[in-house]
Amino acid sequence: MFDLEAAILNAARSRKPGALAAFQAVRKRALVVMATPGARRGRPLTEPQLLELIRAEIRDRKDAIEFLPPTSDDYLLNKEIISVLSNELGRAERPRRVRR
């Protein structure tokens, strides 16, 4: 199970600005979804919904870097965010082994 708040705390403790920005961006998306009127209001997101928000953030960041010069700070930050979220998404989607 992916724990977003724990990921934010770990990124802050490790002083990795790209990782912290990545997880904070996903948290912002999650808060918007949870605050939207309807069935989800006030209830936490399920893991598949959270993973879909991560995919959406990756997609949006990839679209954004198309228009940035490769030497800009924004370009480099977006590349780092894409890398962090892609790694986390791969880790979360990997099948877990059950220990016997």
Protein backbone atom coordinates (compact mmCIF):
# COMPACT_ATOMS: atom_id res chain seq x y z
CA MET A 1 0.00 0.00 0.00
CA PHE A 2 1.31 3.41 -0.96
CA ASP A 3 1.38 5.85 1.97
CA LEU A 4 1.53 9.39 0.59
CA GLU A 5 2.03 11.14 3.93
CA ALA A 6 4.93 8.82 4.82
CA ALA A 7 6.50 9.48 1.41
CA ILE A 8 6.27 13.25 2.02
CA LEU A 9 7.86 12.91 5.45
CA ASN A 10 10.67 10.70 4.12
CA ALA A 11 11.38 13.15 1.29
CA ALA A 12 11.47 16.07 3.72
CA ARG A 13 13.78 14.23 6.11
CA SER A 14 16.14 13.21 3.32
CA ARG A 15 16.18 16.81 2.04
CA LYS A 16 15.40 15.85 -1.55
CA PRO A 17 13.54 18.83 -3.04
CA GLY A 18 12.49 16.96 -6.18
CA ALA A 19 10.95 14.09 -4.23
CA LEU A 20 9.25 16.47 -1.83
CA ALA A 21 7.81 18.53 -4.70
CA ALA A 22 6.62 15.35 -6.43
CA PHE A 23 4.71 13.99 -3.46
CA GLN A 24 3.31 17.39 -2.52
CA ALA A 25 1.95 17.79 -6.05
CA VAL A 26 0.19 14.42 -5.76
CA ARG A 27 -1.18 15.40 -2.34
CA LYS A 28 -2.60 18.61 -3.85
CA ARG A 29 -4.37 16.56 -6.51
CA ALA A 30 -5.69 14.18 -3.85
CA LEU A 31 -7.02 17.04 -1.72
CA VAL A 32 -8.84 18.51 -4.72
CA VAL A 33 -10.47 15.15 -5.49
CA MET A 34 -11.45 14.61 -1.85
CA ALA A 35 -12.95 18.11 -1.61
CA THR A 36 -15.01 17.75 -4.76
CA PRO A 37 -18.74 17.43 -4.04
CA GLY A 38 -19.98 13.92 -4.55
CA ALA A 39 -19.33 10.43 -3.30
CA ARG A 40 -15.67 10.96 -2.32
CA ARG A 41 -16.13 14.05 -0.17
CA GLY A 42 -14.20 13.68 3.08
CA ARG A 43 -13.26 10.04 2.56
CA PRO A 44 -9.70 8.95 1.87
CA LEU A 45 -8.78 7.79 -1.61
CA THR A 46 -8.31 4.13 -2.40
CA GLU A 47 -4.93 2.93 -3.58
CA PRO A 48 -6.02 2.58 -7.26
CA GLN A 49 -7.33 6.16 -7.19
CA LEU A 50 -4.08 7.41 -5.68
CA LEU A 51 -2.03 5.55 -8.30
CA GLU A 52 -4.18 7.12 -11.02
CA LEU A 53 -3.39 10.57 -9.58
CA ILE A 54 0.32 9.72 -9.74
CA ARG A 55 -0.07 8.67 -13.40
CA ALA A 56 -1.88 11.95 -14.14
CA GLU A 57 0.89 13.97 -12.47
CA ILE A 58 3.54 12.14 -14.51
CA ARG A 59 1.56 12.74 -17.72
CA ASP A 60 1.14 16.45 -16.97
CA ARG A 61 4.82 16.90 -16.12
CA LYS A 62 5.86 15.18 -19.36
CA ASP A 63 3.59 17.51 -21.30
CA ALA A 64 5.06 20.53 -19.47
CA ILE A 65 8.71 19.75 -20.22
CA GLU A 66 8.06 19.73 -23.96
CA PHE A 67 7.97 23.52 -23.90
CA LEU A 68 10.87 24.18 -21.52
CA PRO A 69 14.50 24.64 -22.54
CA PRO A 70 16.58 21.64 -21.33
CA THR A 71 18.89 23.90 -19.35
CA SER A 72 16.18 25.59 -17.26
CA ASP A 73 15.70 24.83 -13.58
CA ASP A 74 12.02 24.05 -14.17
CA TYR A 75 12.93 21.46 -16.79
CA LEU A 76 15.39 19.76 -14.44
CA LEU A 77 12.92 19.81 -11.53
CA ASN A 78 10.16 18.33 -13.71
CA LYS A 79 12.52 15.59 -14.91
CA GLU A 80 13.38 14.73 -11.31
CA ILE A 81 9.69 14.71 -10.33
CA ILE A 82 8.88 12.39 -13.24
CA SER A 83 11.70 10.07 -12.19
CA VAL A 84 10.63 9.96 -8.53
CA LEU A 85 6.96 9.36 -9.32
CA SER A 86 7.73 6.77 -12.00
CA ASN A 87 9.91 4.83 -9.57
CA GLU A 88 7.25 5.01 -6.87
CA LEU A 89 4.53 3.97 -9.30
CA GLY A 90 6.58 0.98 -10.43
CA ARG A 91 7.22 -0.01 -6.82
CA ALA A 92 3.53 0.28 -5.93
CA GLU A 93 2.33 -1.68 -8.96
CA ARG A 94 4.83 -4.50 -8.55
CA PRO A 95 3.11 -7.69 -7.37
CA ARG A 96 3.87 -8.46 -3.77
CA ARG A 97 5.08 -11.88 -2.72
CA VAL A 98 3.25 -13.56 0.08
CA ARG A 99 5.57 -15.06 2.65
CA ARG A 100 4.71 -18.50 3.91
